[in-house]
PDB file of N, CA and C in Angstrom:
ATOM      1  N   MET A   1       0.855  -1.158   0.000  1.00  0.00           N
ATOM      2  CA  MET A   1       0.000   0.000   0.000  1.00  0.00           C
ATOM      3  C   MET A   1       0.905   1.227   0.000  1.00  0.00           C
ATOM      4  N   ALA A   2       0.671   2.132  -0.918  1.00  0.00           N
ATOM      5  CA  ALA A   2       1.480   3.343  -1.003  1.00  0.00           C
ATOM      6  C   ALA A   2       0.654   4.540  -0.568  1.00  0.00           C
ATOM      7  N   LEU A   3       1.309   5.472   0.054  1.00  0.00           N
ATOM      8  CA  LEU A   3       0.627   6.694   0.465  1.00  0.00           C
ATOM      9  C   LEU A   3       0.633   7.682  -0.684  1.00  0.00           C
ATOM     10  N   SER A   4      -0.401   8.470  -0.779  1.00  0.00           N
ATOM     11  CA  SER A   4      -0.508   9.512  -1.789  1.00  0.00           C
ATOM     12  C   SER A   4       0.071  10.794  -1.214  1.00  0.00           C
ATOM     13  N   VAL A   5       1.347  11.019  -1.438  1.00  0.00           N
ATOM     14  CA  VAL A   5       2.004  12.205  -0.906  1.00  0.00           C
ATOM     15  C   VAL A   5       2.897  12.800  -1.983  1.00  0.00           C
ATOM     16  N   PRO A   6       3.265  14.057  -1.853  1.00  0.00           N
ATOM     17  CA  PRO A   6       4.168  14.664  -2.830  1.00  0.00           C
ATOM     18  C   PRO A   6       5.475  13.885  -2.916  1.00  0.00           C
ATOM     19  N   PRO A   7       6.126  13.865  -4.098  1.00  0.00           N
ATOM     20  CA  PRO A   7       7.348  13.078  -4.300  1.00  0.00           C
ATOM     21  C   PRO A   7       8.438  13.317  -3.264  1.00  0.00           C
ATOM     22  N   ALA A   8       8.606  14.533  -2.791  1.00  0.00           N
ATOM     23  CA  ALA A   8       9.662  14.813  -1.816  1.00  0.00           C
ATOM     24  C   ALA A   8       9.372  14.183  -0.465  1.00  0.00           C
ATOM     25  N   ARG A   9       8.155  13.739  -0.263  1.00  0.00           N
ATOM     26  CA  ARG A   9       7.775  13.179   1.031  1.00  0.00           C
ATOM     27  C   ARG A   9       7.295  11.737   0.870  1.00  0.00           C
ATOM     28  N   ARG A  10       7.770  11.056  -0.105  1.00  0.00           N
ATOM     29  CA  ARG A  10       7.263   9.735  -0.427  1.00  0.00           C
ATOM     30  C   ARG A  10       7.656   8.702   0.624  1.00  0.00           C
ATOM     31  N   GLU A  11       6.709   7.866   0.976  1.00  0.00           N
ATOM     32  CA  GLU A  11       6.940   6.730   1.840  1.00  0.00           C
ATOM     33  C   GLU A  11       6.837   5.490   0.961  1.00  0.00           C
ATOM     34  N   SER A  12       7.575   4.466   1.276  1.00  0.00           N
ATOM     35  CA  SER A  12       7.448   3.228   0.520  1.00  0.00           C
ATOM     36  C   SER A  12       7.061   2.114   1.470  1.00  0.00           C
ATOM     37  N   VAL A  13       6.363   1.150   0.932  1.00  0.00           N
ATOM     38  CA  VAL A  13       5.875   0.049   1.745  1.00  0.00           C
ATOM     39  C   VAL A  13       6.267  -1.260   1.079  1.00  0.00           C
ATOM     40  N   ASP A  14       6.847  -2.161   1.838  1.00  0.00           N
ATOM     41  CA  ASP A  14       7.198  -3.491   1.364  1.00  0.00           C
ATOM     42  C   ASP A  14       6.481  -4.507   2.234  1.00  0.00           C
ATOM     43  N   ILE A  15       6.248  -5.686   1.688  1.00  0.00           N
ATOM     44  CA  ILE A  15       5.678  -6.774   2.470  1.00  0.00           C
ATOM     45  C   ILE A  15       6.809  -7.772   2.719  1.00  0.00           C
ATOM     46  N   ALA A  16       7.135  -8.015   3.977  1.00  0.00           N
ATOM     47  CA  ALA A  16       8.222  -8.925   4.321  1.00  0.00           C
ATOM     48  C   ALA A  16       7.823  -9.760   5.526  1.00  0.00           C
ATOM     49  N   GLU A  17       7.883 -11.063   5.367  1.00  0.00           N
ATOM     50  CA  GLU A  17       7.586 -11.982   6.467  1.00  0.00           C
ATOM     51  C   GLU A  17       6.270 -11.640   7.150  1.00  0.00           C
ATOM     52  N   SER A  18       5.255 -11.389   6.374  1.00  0.00           N
ATOM     53  CA  SER A  18       3.903 -11.059   6.824  1.00  0.00           C
ATOM     54  C   SER A  18       3.815  -9.740   7.588  1.00  0.00           C
ATOM     55  N   TRP A  19       4.859  -8.948   7.532  1.00  0.00           N
ATOM     56  CA  TRP A  19       4.840  -7.592   8.092  1.00  0.00           C
ATOM     57  C   TRP A  19       4.845  -6.613   6.925  1.00  0.00           C
ATOM     58  N   GLN A  20       4.003  -5.606   6.980  1.00  0.00           N
ATOM     59  CA  GLN A  20       4.085  -4.509   6.020  1.00  0.00           C
ATOM     60  C   GLN A  20       5.179  -3.587   6.538  1.00  0.00           C
ATOM     61  N   VAL A  21       6.180  -3.325   5.723  1.00  0.00           N
ATOM     62  CA  VAL A  21       7.273  -2.454   6.137  1.00  0.00           C
ATOM     63  C   VAL A  21       7.049  -1.086   5.502  1.00  0.00           C
ATOM     64  N   CYS A  22       6.832  -0.093   6.331  1.00  0.00           N
ATOM     65  CA  CYS A  22       6.594   1.276   5.876  1.00  0.00           C
ATOM     66  C   CYS A  22       7.832   2.098   6.192  1.00  0.00           C
ATOM     67  N   ARG A  23       8.527   2.542   5.156  1.00  0.00           N
ATOM     68  CA  ARG A  23       9.741   3.342   5.327  1.00  0.00           C
ATOM     69  C   ARG A  23       9.358   4.818   5.252  1.00  0.00           C
ATOM     70  N   ILE A  24       9.591   5.521   6.331  1.00  0.00           N
ATOM     71  CA  ILE A  24       9.246   6.938   6.391  1.00  0.00           C
ATOM     72  C   ILE A  24      10.523   7.750   6.283  1.00  0.00           C
ATOM     73  N   ARG A  25      10.491   8.759   5.419  1.00  0.00           N
ATOM     74  CA  ARG A  25      11.657   9.624   5.215  1.00  0.00           C
ATOM     75  C   ARG A  25      11.286  11.059   5.566  1.00  0.00           C
ATOM     76  N   GLY A  26      12.159  11.724   6.295  1.00  0.00           N
ATOM     77  CA  GLY A  26      11.913  13.114   6.673  1.00  0.00           C
ATOM     78  C   GLY A  26      11.358  13.210   8.078  1.00  0.00           C
ATOM     79  N   ASP A  27      11.142  14.428   8.519  1.00  0.00           N
ATOM     80  CA  ASP A  27      10.650  14.662   9.875  1.00  0.00           C
ATOM     81  C   ASP A  27       9.246  14.094  10.070  1.00  0.00           C
ATOM     82  N   LEU A  28       9.018  13.512  11.233  1.00  0.00           N
ATOM     83  CA  LEU A  28       7.680  13.050  11.615  1.00  0.00           C
ATOM     84  C   LEU A  28       7.161  14.092  12.596  1.00  0.00           C
ATOM     85  N   ASP A  29       6.492  15.095  12.037  1.00  0.00           N
ATOM     86  CA  ASP A  29       6.071  16.245  12.838  1.00  0.00           C
ATOM     87  C   ASP A  29       4.640  16.634  12.500  1.00  0.00           C
ATOM     88  N   CYS A  30       4.255  17.844  12.886  1.00  0.00           N
ATOM     89  CA  CYS A  30       2.868  18.284  12.696  1.00  0.00           C
ATOM     90  C   CYS A  30       2.456  18.305  11.230  1.00  0.00           C
ATOM     91  N   THR A  31       3.406  18.393  10.319  1.00  0.00           N
ATOM     92  CA  THR A  31       3.061  18.410   8.898  1.00  0.00           C
ATOM     93  C   THR A  31       2.860  17.019   8.321  1.00  0.00           C
ATOM     94  N   ARG A  32       3.270  15.966   9.045  1.00  0.00           N
ATOM     95  CA  ARG A  32       3.219  14.613   8.493  1.00  0.00           C
ATOM     96  C   ARG A  32       2.520  13.592   9.363  1.00  0.00           C
ATOM     97  N   ALA A  33       2.229  13.919  10.603  1.00  0.00           N
ATOM     98  CA  ALA A  33       1.636  12.944  11.524  1.00  0.00           C
ATOM     99  C   ALA A  33       0.317  12.394  10.998  1.00  0.00           C
ATOM    100  N   ASP A  34      -0.490  13.246  10.383  1.00  0.00           N
ATOM    101  CA  ASP A  34      -1.776  12.778   9.862  1.00  0.00           C
ATOM    102  C   ASP A  34      -1.614  11.760   8.744  1.00  0.00           C
ATOM    103  N   LEU A  35      -0.495  11.807   8.012  1.00  0.00           N
ATOM    104  CA  LEU A  35      -0.245  10.808   6.969  1.00  0.00           C
ATOM    105  C   LEU A  35      -0.078   9.418   7.579  1.00  0.00           C
ATOM    106  N   LEU A  36       0.618   9.343   8.702  1.00  0.00           N
ATOM    107  CA  LEU A  36       0.791   8.055   9.372  1.00  0.00           C
ATOM    108  C   LEU A  36      -0.546   7.540   9.891  1.00  0.00           C
ATOM    109  N   ARG A  37      -1.327   8.409  10.495  1.00  0.00           N
ATOM    110  CA  ARG A  37      -2.657   8.001  10.972  1.00  0.00           C
ATOM    111  C   ARG A  37      -3.519   7.495   9.814  1.00  0.00           C
ATOM    112  N   ALA A  38      -3.514   8.214   8.708  1.00  0.00           N
ATOM    113  CA  ALA A  38      -4.305   7.821   7.538  1.00  0.00           C
ATOM    114  C   ALA A  38      -3.818   6.488   6.973  1.00  0.00           C
ATOM    115  N   TYR A  39      -2.502   6.271   6.984  1.00  0.00           N
ATOM    116  CA  TYR A  39      -1.946   5.013   6.497  1.00  0.00           C
ATOM    117  C   TYR A  39      -2.451   3.836   7.336  1.00  0.00           C
ATOM    118  N   VAL A  40      -2.414   3.988   8.644  1.00  0.00           N
ATOM    119  CA  VAL A  40      -2.876   2.918   9.541  1.00  0.00           C
ATOM    120  C   VAL A  40      -4.370   2.684   9.355  1.00  0.00           C
ATOM    121  N   ASP A  41      -5.145   3.753   9.290  1.00  0.00           N
ATOM    122  CA  ASP A  41      -6.588   3.606   9.081  1.00  0.00           C
ATOM    123  C   ASP A  41      -6.875   2.874   7.774  1.00  0.00           C
ATOM    124  N   ALA A  42      -6.155   3.222   6.709  1.00  0.00           N
ATOM    125  CA  ALA A  42      -6.352   2.573   5.412  1.00  0.00           C
ATOM    126  C   ALA A  42      -5.946   1.104   5.458  1.00  0.00           C
ATOM    127  N   ALA A  43      -4.912   0.783   6.223  1.00  0.00           N
ATOM    128  CA  ALA A  43      -4.464  -0.608   6.332  1.00  0.00           C
ATOM    129  C   ALA A  43      -5.501  -1.478   7.029  1.00  0.00           C
ATOM    130  N   LEU A  44      -6.355  -0.864   7.837  1.00  0.00           N
ATOM    131  CA  LEU A  44      -7.370  -1.613   8.584  1.00  0.00           C
ATOM    132  C   LEU A  44      -8.720  -1.652   7.879  1.00  0.00           C
ATOM    133  N   GLU A  45      -8.872  -0.954   6.763  1.00  0.00           N
ATOM    134  CA  GLU A  45     -10.141  -0.923   6.035  1.00  0.00           C
ATOM    135  C   GLU A  45      -9.939  -1.389   4.613  1.00  0.00           C
ATOM    136  N   PRO A  46     -10.718  -2.307   4.119  1.00  0.00           N
ATOM    137  CA  PRO A  46     -11.667  -3.132   4.859  1.00  0.00           C
ATOM    138  C   PRO A  46     -10.913  -4.140   5.714  1.00  0.00           C
ATOM    139  N   PRO A  47     -11.612  -4.791   6.646  1.00  0.00           N
ATOM    140  CA  PRO A  47     -10.943  -5.791   7.484  1.00  0.00           C
ATOM    141  C   PRO A  47     -10.222  -6.836   6.630  1.00  0.00           C
ATOM    142  N   VAL A  48      -9.029  -7.183   7.051  1.00  0.00           N
ATOM    143  CA  VAL A  48      -8.192  -8.123   6.313  1.00  0.00           C
ATOM    144  C   VAL A  48      -8.543  -9.550   6.709  1.00  0.00           C
ATOM    145  N   PRO A  49      -8.830 -10.431   5.720  1.00  0.00           N
ATOM    146  CA  PRO A  49      -9.079 -11.830   6.071  1.00  0.00           C
ATOM    147  C   PRO A  49      -7.851 -12.420   6.765  1.00  0.00           C
ATOM    148  N   GLY A  50      -8.069 -13.127   7.832  1.00  0.00           N
ATOM    149  CA  GLY A  50      -6.961 -13.749   8.546  1.00  0.00           C
ATOM    150  C   GLY A  50      -6.338 -12.855   9.601  1.00  0.00           C
ATOM    151  N   GLY A  51      -6.926 -11.711   9.858  1.00  0.00           N
ATOM    152  CA  GLY A  51      -6.423 -10.866  10.935  1.00  0.00           C
ATOM    153  C   GLY A  51      -5.952  -9.505  10.474  1.00  0.00           C
ATOM    154  N   ALA A  52      -5.745  -8.661  11.447  1.00  0.00           N
ATOM    155  CA  ALA A  52      -5.298  -7.294  11.180  1.00  0.00           C
ATOM    156  C   ALA A  52      -3.832  -7.288  10.767  1.00  0.00           C
ATOM    157  N   PRO A  53      -3.415  -6.260  10.058  1.00  0.00           N
ATOM    158  CA  PRO A  53      -2.029  -6.210   9.595  1.00  0.00           C
ATOM    159  C   PRO A  53      -1.028  -5.982  10.725  1.00  0.00           C
ATOM    160  N   ARG A  54       0.176  -6.408  10.446  1.00  0.00           N
ATOM    161  CA  ARG A  54       1.308  -6.106  11.314  1.00  0.00           C
ATOM    162  C   ARG A  54       2.193  -5.152  10.519  1.00  0.00           C
ATOM    163  N   ILE A  55       2.442  -3.992  11.084  1.00  0.00           N
ATOM    164  CA  ILE A  55       3.176  -2.951  10.370  1.00  0.00           C
ATOM    165  C   ILE A  55       4.488  -2.665  11.085  1.00  0.00           C
ATOM    166  N   ALA A  56       5.570  -2.699  10.328  1.00  0.00           N
ATOM    167  CA  ALA A  56       6.890  -2.326  10.837  1.00  0.00           C
ATOM    168  C   ALA A  56       7.227  -0.951  10.266  1.00  0.00           C
ATOM    169  N   LEU A  57       7.410   0.021  11.138  1.00  0.00           N
ATOM    170  CA  LEU A  57       7.779   1.369  10.704  1.00  0.00           C
ATOM    171  C   LEU A  57       9.294   1.495  10.729  1.00  0.00           C
ATOM    172  N   HIS A  58       9.872   1.641   9.558  1.00  0.00           N
ATOM    173  CA  HIS A  58      11.319   1.795   9.418  1.00  0.00           C
ATOM    174  C   HIS A  58      11.620   3.289   9.498  1.00  0.00           C
ATOM    175  N   LEU A  59      12.241   3.714  10.588  1.00  0.00           N
ATOM    176  CA  LEU A  59      12.415   5.139  10.859  1.00  0.00           C
ATOM    177  C   LEU A  59      13.869   5.608  10.771  1.00  0.00           C
ATOM    178  N   ALA A  60      14.696   4.875  10.046  1.00  0.00           N
ATOM    179  CA  ALA A  60      16.112   5.242   9.943  1.00  0.00           C
ATOM    180  C   ALA A  60      16.312   6.617   9.315  1.00  0.00           C
ATOM    181  N   GLU A  61      15.386   7.031   8.446  1.00  0.00           N
ATOM    182  CA  GLU A  61      15.525   8.312   7.754  1.00  0.00           C
ATOM    183  C   GLU A  61      14.605   9.383   8.337  1.00  0.00           C
ATOM    184  N   VAL A  62      14.270   9.225   9.626  1.00  0.00           N
ATOM    185  CA  VAL A  62      13.475  10.228  10.336  1.00  0.00           C
ATOM    186  C   VAL A  62      14.402  10.898  11.349  1.00  0.00           C
ATOM    187  N   PRO A  63      14.964  12.059  10.986  1.00  0.00           N
ATOM    188  CA  PRO A  63      15.911  12.706  11.894  1.00  0.00           C
ATOM    189  C   PRO A  63      15.255  13.399  13.077  1.00  0.00           C
ATOM    190  N   PHE A  64      13.950  13.711  12.956  1.00  0.00           N
ATOM    191  CA  PHE A  64      13.281  14.482  13.996  1.00  0.00           C
ATOM    192  C   PHE A  64      11.839  14.030  14.136  1.00  0.00           C
ATOM    193  N   CYS A  65      11.387  13.952  15.386  1.00  0.00           N
ATOM    194  CA  CYS A  65       9.998  13.615  15.685  1.00  0.00           C
ATOM    195  C   CYS A  65       9.550  14.538  16.810  1.00  0.00           C
ATOM    196  N   ASP A  66       8.399  15.203  16.617  1.00  0.00           N
ATOM    197  CA  ASP A  66       7.884  16.071  17.676  1.00  0.00           C
ATOM    198  C   ASP A  66       6.690  15.399  18.350  1.00  0.00           C
ATOM    199  N   SER A  67       5.979  16.137  19.186  1.00  0.00           N
ATOM    200  CA  SER A  67       4.855  15.553  19.926  1.00  0.00           C
ATOM    201  C   SER A  67       3.741  15.079  18.997  1.00  0.00           C
ATOM    202  N   TYR A  68       3.574  15.729  17.851  1.00  0.00           N
ATOM    203  CA  TYR A  68       2.566  15.285  16.884  1.00  0.00           C
ATOM    204  C   TYR A  68       2.957  13.930  16.299  1.00  0.00           C
ATOM    205  N   GLY A  69       4.228  13.796  15.956  1.00  0.00           N
ATOM    206  CA  GLY A  69       4.714  12.530  15.421  1.00  0.00           C
ATOM    207  C   GLY A  69       4.627  11.419  16.447  1.00  0.00           C
ATOM    208  N   LEU A  70       4.998  11.731  17.684  1.00  0.00           N
ATOM    209  CA  LEU A  70       4.913  10.749  18.759  1.00  0.00           C
ATOM    210  C   LEU A  70       3.465  10.330  18.984  1.00  0.00           C
ATOM    211  N   SER A  71       2.567  11.283  18.948  1.00  0.00           N
ATOM    212  CA  SER A  71       1.143  10.989  19.092  1.00  0.00           C
ATOM    213  C   SER A  71       0.660  10.070  17.969  1.00  0.00           C
ATOM    214  N   ALA A  72       1.147  10.285  16.757  1.00  0.00           N
ATOM    215  CA  ALA A  72       0.766   9.425  15.632  1.00  0.00           C
ATOM    216  C   ALA A  72       1.298   8.007  15.822  1.00  0.00           C
ATOM    217  N   LEU A  73       2.500   7.865  16.372  1.00  0.00           N
ATOM    218  CA  LEU A  73       3.048   6.535  16.651  1.00  0.00           C
ATOM    219  C   LEU A  73       2.206   5.814  17.698  1.00  0.00           C
ATOM    220  N   VAL A  74       1.821   6.529  18.746  1.00  0.00           N
ATOM    221  CA  VAL A  74       0.975   5.946  19.794  1.00  0.00           C
ATOM    222  C   VAL A  74      -0.378   5.557  19.208  1.00  0.00           C
ATOM    223  N   TYR A  75      -0.960   6.439  18.398  1.00  0.00           N
ATOM    224  CA  TYR A  75      -2.237   6.153  17.743  1.00  0.00           C
ATOM    225  C   TYR A  75      -2.131   4.868  16.919  1.00  0.00           C
ATOM    226  N   ALA A  76      -1.070   4.769  16.126  1.00  0.00           N
ATOM    227  CA  ALA A  76      -0.887   3.599  15.266  1.00  0.00           C
ATOM    228  C   ALA A  76      -0.783   2.322  16.090  1.00  0.00           C
ATOM    229  N   ALA A  77       0.019   2.356  17.144  1.00  0.00           N
ATOM    230  CA  ALA A  77       0.191   1.166  17.984  1.00  0.00           C
ATOM    231  C   ALA A  77      -1.121   0.750  18.632  1.00  0.00           C
ATOM    232  N   LYS A  78      -1.840   1.709  19.202  1.00  0.00           N
ATOM    233  CA  LYS A  78      -3.098   1.387  19.889  1.00  0.00           C
ATOM    234  C   LYS A  78      -4.167   0.921  18.909  1.00  0.00           C
ATOM    235  N   ARG A  79      -4.258   1.583  17.761  1.00  0.00           N
ATOM    236  CA  ARG A  79      -5.280   1.221  16.766  1.00  0.00           C
ATOM    237  C   ARG A  79      -5.034  -0.184  16.228  1.00  0.00           C
ATOM    238  N   LEU A  80      -3.786  -0.495  15.927  1.00  0.00           N
ATOM    239  CA  LEU A  80      -3.462  -1.828  15.415  1.00  0.00           C
ATOM    240  C   LEU A  80      -3.687  -2.900  16.477  1.00  0.00           C
ATOM    241  N   ARG A  81      -3.264  -2.647  17.699  1.00  0.00           N
ATOM    242  CA  ARG A  81      -3.479  -3.627  18.778  1.00  0.00           C
ATOM    243  C   ARG A  81      -4.956  -3.884  19.008  1.00  0.00           C
ATOM    244  N   ALA A  82      -5.765  -2.833  19.006  1.00  0.00           N
ATOM    245  CA  ALA A  82      -7.206  -2.982  19.228  1.00  0.00           C
ATOM    246  C   ALA A  82      -7.850  -3.838  18.143  1.00  0.00           C
ATOM    247  N   ALA A  83      -7.264  -3.815  16.949  1.00  0.00           N
ATOM    248  CA  ALA A  83      -7.804  -4.594  15.833  1.00  0.00           C
ATOM    249  C   ALA A  83      -7.173  -5.985  15.744  1.00  0.00           C
ATOM    250  N   GLY A  84      -6.249  -6.293  16.667  1.00  0.00           N
ATOM    251  CA  GLY A  84      -5.588  -7.599  16.646  1.00  0.00           C
ATOM    252  C   GLY A  84      -4.302  -7.620  15.849  1.00  0.00           C
ATOM    253  N   GLY A  85      -3.838  -6.459  15.418  1.00  0.00           N
ATOM    254  CA  GLY A  85      -2.589  -6.362  14.666  1.00  0.00           C
ATOM    255  C   GLY A  85      -1.440  -5.971  15.577  1.00  0.00           C
ATOM    256  N   ALA A  86      -0.377  -5.464  14.981  1.00  0.00           N
ATOM    257  CA  ALA A  86       0.794  -5.076  15.764  1.00  0.00           C
ATOM    258  C   ALA A  86       1.570  -3.991  15.032  1.00  0.00           C
ATOM    259  N   LEU A  87       2.325  -3.230  15.811  1.00  0.00           N
ATOM    260  CA  LEU A  87       3.210  -2.206  15.263  1.00  0.00           C
ATOM    261  C   LEU A  87       4.600  -2.450  15.814  1.00  0.00           C
ATOM    262  N   ARG A  88       5.576  -2.351  14.945  1.00  0.00           N
ATOM    263  CA  ARG A  88       6.979  -2.501  15.340  1.00  0.00           C
ATOM    264  C   ARG A  88       7.739  -1.280  14.818  1.00  0.00           C
ATOM    265  N   VAL A  89       8.561  -0.692  15.656  1.00  0.00           N
ATOM    266  CA  VAL A  89       9.417   0.414  15.237  1.00  0.00           C
ATOM    267  C   VAL A  89      10.797  -0.166  14.976  1.00  0.00           C
ATOM    268  N   THR A  90      11.343   0.083  13.778  1.00  0.00           N
ATOM    269  CA  THR A  90      12.664  -0.453  13.445  1.00  0.00           C
ATOM    270  C   THR A  90      13.596   0.674  13.022  1.00  0.00           C
ATOM    271  N   SER A  91      14.852   0.489  13.294  1.00  0.00           N
ATOM    272  CA  SER A  91      15.912   1.402  12.850  1.00  0.00           C
ATOM    273  C   SER A  91      15.623   2.864  13.157  1.00  0.00           C
ATOM    274  N   ALA A  92      15.084   3.125  14.321  1.00  0.00           N
ATOM    275  CA  ALA A  92      14.776   4.510  14.695  1.00  0.00           C
ATOM    276  C   ALA A  92      16.060   5.299  14.915  1.00  0.00           C
ATOM    277  N   SER A  93      16.033   6.550  14.521  1.00  0.00           N
ATOM    278  CA  SER A  93      17.184   7.428  14.735  1.00  0.00           C
ATOM    279  C   SER A  93      17.394   7.642  16.236  1.00  0.00           C
ATOM    280  N   ARG A  94      18.545   8.154  16.573  1.00  0.00           N
ATOM    281  CA  ARG A  94      18.873   8.394  17.984  1.00  0.00           C
ATOM    282  C   ARG A  94      17.854   9.330  18.641  1.00  0.00           C
ATOM    283  N   GLN A  95      17.451  10.397  17.940  1.00  0.00           N
ATOM    284  CA  GLN A  95      16.498  11.363  18.490  1.00  0.00           C
ATOM    285  C   GLN A  95      15.148  10.709  18.747  1.00  0.00           C
ATOM    286  N   VAL A  96      14.688   9.898  17.797  1.00  0.00           N
ATOM    287  CA  VAL A  96      13.382   9.244  17.944  1.00  0.00           C
ATOM    288  C   VAL A  96      13.426   8.226  19.083  1.00  0.00           C
ATOM    289  N   ARG A  97      14.492   7.431  19.142  1.00  0.00           N
ATOM    290  CA  ARG A  97      14.636   6.452  20.230  1.00  0.00           C
ATOM    291  C   ARG A  97      14.637   7.148  21.588  1.00  0.00           C
ATOM    292  N   SER A  98      15.387   8.235  21.689  1.00  0.00           N
ATOM    293  CA  SER A  98      15.475   8.979  22.941  1.00  0.00           C
ATOM    294  C   SER A  98      14.115   9.544  23.344  1.00  0.00           C
ATOM    295  N   LEU A  99      13.383  10.093  22.390  1.00  0.00           N
ATOM    296  CA  LEU A  99      12.060  10.651  22.672  1.00  0.00           C
ATOM    297  C   LEU A  99      11.107   9.575  23.184  1.00  0.00           C
ATOM    298  N   ILE A 100      11.093   8.431  22.531  1.00  0.00           N
ATOM    299  CA  ILE A 100      10.209   7.334  22.946  1.00  0.00           C
ATOM    300  C   ILE A 100      10.552   6.891  24.368  1.00  0.00           C
ATOM    301  N   ARG A 101      11.828   6.752  24.653  1.00  0.00           N
ATOM    302  CA  ARG A 101      12.251   6.313  25.996  1.00  0.00           C
ATOM    303  C   ARG A 101      11.970   7.370  27.063  1.00  0.00           C
ATOM    304  N   ARG A 102      12.291   8.641  26.775  1.00  0.00           N
ATOM    305  CA  ARG A 102      12.070   9.709  27.756  1.00  0.00           C
ATOM    306  C   ARG A 102      10.597   9.869  28.110  1.00  0.00           C
ATOM    307  N   CYS A 103       9.732   9.581  27.160  1.00  0.00           N
ATOM    308  CA  CYS A 103       8.288   9.697  27.405  1.00  0.00           C
ATOM    309  C   CYS A 103       7.709   8.429  28.024  1.00  0.00           C
ATOM    310  N   GLY A 104       8.552   7.417  28.248  1.00  0.00           N
ATOM    311  CA  GLY A 104       8.097   6.173  28.865  1.00  0.00           C
ATOM    312  C   GLY A 104       7.209   5.346  27.962  1.00  0.00           C
ATOM    313  N   LEU A 105       7.388   5.486  26.664  1.00  0.00           N
ATOM    314  CA  LEU A 105       6.527   4.774  25.717  1.00  0.00           C
ATOM    315  C   LEU A 105       7.190   3.546  25.105  1.00  0.00           C
ATOM    316  N   ASP A 106       8.371   3.182  25.607  1.00  0.00           N
ATOM    317  CA  ASP A 106       9.037   2.021  25.036  1.00  0.00           C
ATOM    318  C   ASP A 106       8.339   0.711  25.378  1.00  0.00           C
ATOM    319  N   CYS A 107       7.378   0.726  26.306  1.00  0.00           N
ATOM    320  CA  CYS A 107       6.580  -0.482  26.548  1.00  0.00           C
ATOM    321  C   CYS A 107       5.491  -0.608  25.474  1.00  0.00           C
ATOM    322  N   LEU A 108       4.983   0.502  24.974  1.00  0.00           N
ATOM    323  CA  LEU A 108       3.979   0.496  23.912  1.00  0.00           C
ATOM    324  C   LEU A 108       4.640   0.422  22.539  1.00  0.00           C
ATOM    325  N   LEU A 109       5.788   1.058  22.411  1.00  0.00           N
ATOM    326  CA  LEU A 109       6.547   1.099  21.159  1.00  0.00           C
ATOM    327  C   LEU A 109       7.924   0.492  21.412  1.00  0.00           C
ATOM    328  N   PRO A 110       7.995  -0.849  21.545  1.00  0.00           N
ATOM    329  CA  PRO A 110       9.278  -1.479  21.867  1.00  0.00           C
ATOM    330  C   PRO A 110      10.340  -1.169  20.812  1.00  0.00           C
ATOM    331  N   LEU A 111      11.536  -0.901  21.287  1.00  0.00           N
ATOM    332  CA  LEU A 111      12.653  -0.592  20.403  1.00  0.00           C
ATOM    333  C   LEU A 111      13.632  -1.752  20.419  1.00  0.00           C
ATOM    334  N   PRO A 112      13.940  -2.304  19.251  1.00  0.00           N
ATOM    335  CA  PRO A 112      14.924  -3.395  19.234  1.00  0.00           C
ATOM    336  C   PRO A 112      16.294  -2.871  19.644  1.00  0.00           C
ATOM    337  N   ASP A 113      17.060  -3.707  20.305  1.00  0.00           N
ATOM    338  CA  ASP A 113      18.404  -3.290  20.753  1.00  0.00           C
ATOM    339  C   ASP A 113      19.363  -3.182  19.603  1.00  0.00           C
TER     340      ASP A 113
END
């Protein structure tokens, strides 16, 4: 599933080991948080036969995340869990990892070592 966004803000999605891998590039802030929410909502509609999707967010190219971006990550995790799916954060930048940990959200958004 691809997001409809301007070319400079393009996200790509791959399917790997039954996880949808969504690679986000650029800041995850007030200008982009709604794109992540819309992506998760679209992934859940219509209901997927065999269960809700499992989405891995590849954040290696996200140098900055603000409270809007963090809120979108929390929204995605909670929405997917409520539907029986899962969210995984992978390759998060140092700033994003630090923000998640400082806010005490690493139990909701586990970070691989």
